[in-house]
């Protein structure tokens, strides 16, 4: 069974060059970690993994270069595969 996606994902511009993401942990029997992915720009065609996290983290801080639109998604991982992504958009 795949883990469930993270829920309640929020992205806040905490200062001119910092985005803070918060969420509620994914669940599932085989939940083994999380990936944070980012895509920059209005068109957003290329997602890049920017961090891998364990099973207890519910916050990630990212340094950015504004002005731009940044899209993030939290993906839960397991030995079986990945959950659906939990997306959020931040305009800097």
Protein backbone atom coordinates (compact mmCIF):
# COMPACT_ATOMS: atom_id res chain seq x y z
CA UNK A 1 0.00 0.00 0.00
CA UNK A 2 1.28 3.46 -0.93
CA UNK A 3 1.48 6.15 1.77
CA UNK A 4 -1.18 8.83 1.76
CA UNK A 5 -0.20 12.32 0.57
CA UNK A 6 0.74 15.03 3.06
CA UNK A 7 -2.19 17.29 3.95
CA UNK A 8 -2.59 20.94 4.85
CA UNK A 9 0.48 22.04 2.90
CA UNK A 10 1.15 25.77 3.36
CA UNK A 11 3.83 27.89 1.76
CA UNK A 12 4.63 31.24 3.33
CA UNK A 13 7.03 33.90 2.13
CA UNK A 14 8.67 34.55 5.51
CA UNK A 15 10.99 37.28 4.18
CA UNK A 16 12.13 38.55 0.78
CA UNK A 17 14.22 35.47 0.04
CA UNK A 18 12.83 32.67 2.23
CA UNK A 19 9.86 30.33 1.82
CA UNK A 20 8.73 28.19 4.74
CA UNK A 21 6.65 25.11 3.94
CA UNK A 22 4.63 23.31 6.60
CA UNK A 23 2.31 20.29 6.39
CA UNK A 24 0.72 17.40 8.24
CA UNK A 25 2.63 14.13 7.93
CA UNK A 26 1.58 11.53 5.39
CA UNK A 27 0.46 8.19 6.76
CA UNK A 28 0.67 4.59 5.68
CA UNK A 29 2.11 1.29 6.71
CA UNK A 30 5.18 1.63 4.50
CA UNK A 31 5.80 5.39 4.90
CA UNK A 32 9.60 5.75 4.88
CA UNK A 33 10.37 9.36 3.94
CA UNK A 34 9.42 12.49 2.02
CA UNK A 35 10.65 14.43 -0.99
CA UNK A 36 10.29 18.17 -1.48
CA UNK A 37 10.10 19.23 -5.13
CA UNK A 38 10.14 22.74 -6.59
CA UNK A 39 9.24 24.22 -9.94
CA UNK A 40 9.92 27.89 -10.72
CA UNK A 41 8.23 30.24 -13.16
CA UNK A 42 4.74 30.80 -14.50
CA UNK A 43 4.86 27.86 -16.91
CA UNK A 44 6.35 25.42 -14.39
CA UNK A 45 7.38 22.55 -16.59
CA UNK A 46 10.37 21.06 -14.76
CA UNK A 47 10.06 19.73 -11.20
CA UNK A 48 13.33 19.31 -9.28
CA UNK A 49 13.80 17.42 -6.04
CA UNK A 50 15.39 19.89 -3.62
CA UNK A 51 15.32 17.87 -0.39
CA UNK A 52 14.70 14.44 1.06
CA UNK A 53 13.33 14.25 4.58
CA UNK A 54 12.65 11.55 7.12
CA UNK A 55 9.34 10.48 8.61
CA UNK A 56 9.04 13.14 11.32
CA UNK A 57 9.75 16.48 9.58
CA UNK A 58 6.78 18.75 8.92
CA UNK A 59 8.65 21.92 7.91
CA UNK A 60 11.11 22.90 5.20
CA UNK A 61 12.81 26.27 4.69
CA UNK A 62 13.93 27.21 1.17
CA UNK A 63 16.09 30.13 0.08
CA UNK A 64 14.80 31.70 -3.14
CA UNK A 65 15.62 34.51 -5.55
CA UNK A 66 12.55 36.69 -6.20
CA UNK A 67 10.66 37.90 -8.07
CA UNK A 68 9.14 34.66 -9.32
CA UNK A 69 6.40 32.13 -8.82
CA UNK A 70 7.51 28.98 -7.02
CA UNK A 71 5.52 25.79 -6.86
CA UNK A 72 6.34 23.14 -4.30
CA UNK A 73 5.05 19.68 -3.65
CA UNK A 74 5.53 17.21 -0.84
CA UNK A 75 5.68 13.56 -1.87
CA UNK A 76 5.61 10.69 0.62
CA UNK A 77 7.84 7.74 -0.25
CA UNK A 78 7.81 4.06 0.64
CA UNK A 79 9.47 0.86 -0.51
CA UNK A 80 6.50 0.36 -2.83
CA UNK A 81 6.50 3.79 -4.47
CA UNK A 82 5.40 7.39 -4.03
CA UNK A 83 2.16 8.97 -2.91
CA UNK A 84 0.30 11.52 -4.95
CA UNK A 85 1.88 14.94 -4.52
CA UNK A 86 0.55 17.60 -2.17
CA UNK A 87 1.14 20.93 -3.99
CA UNK A 88 1.31 24.58 -2.93
CA UNK A 89 2.19 27.80 -4.84
CA UNK A 90 4.15 30.78 -3.44
CA UNK A 91 4.52 34.11 -5.26
CA UNK A 92 7.68 35.99 -4.30
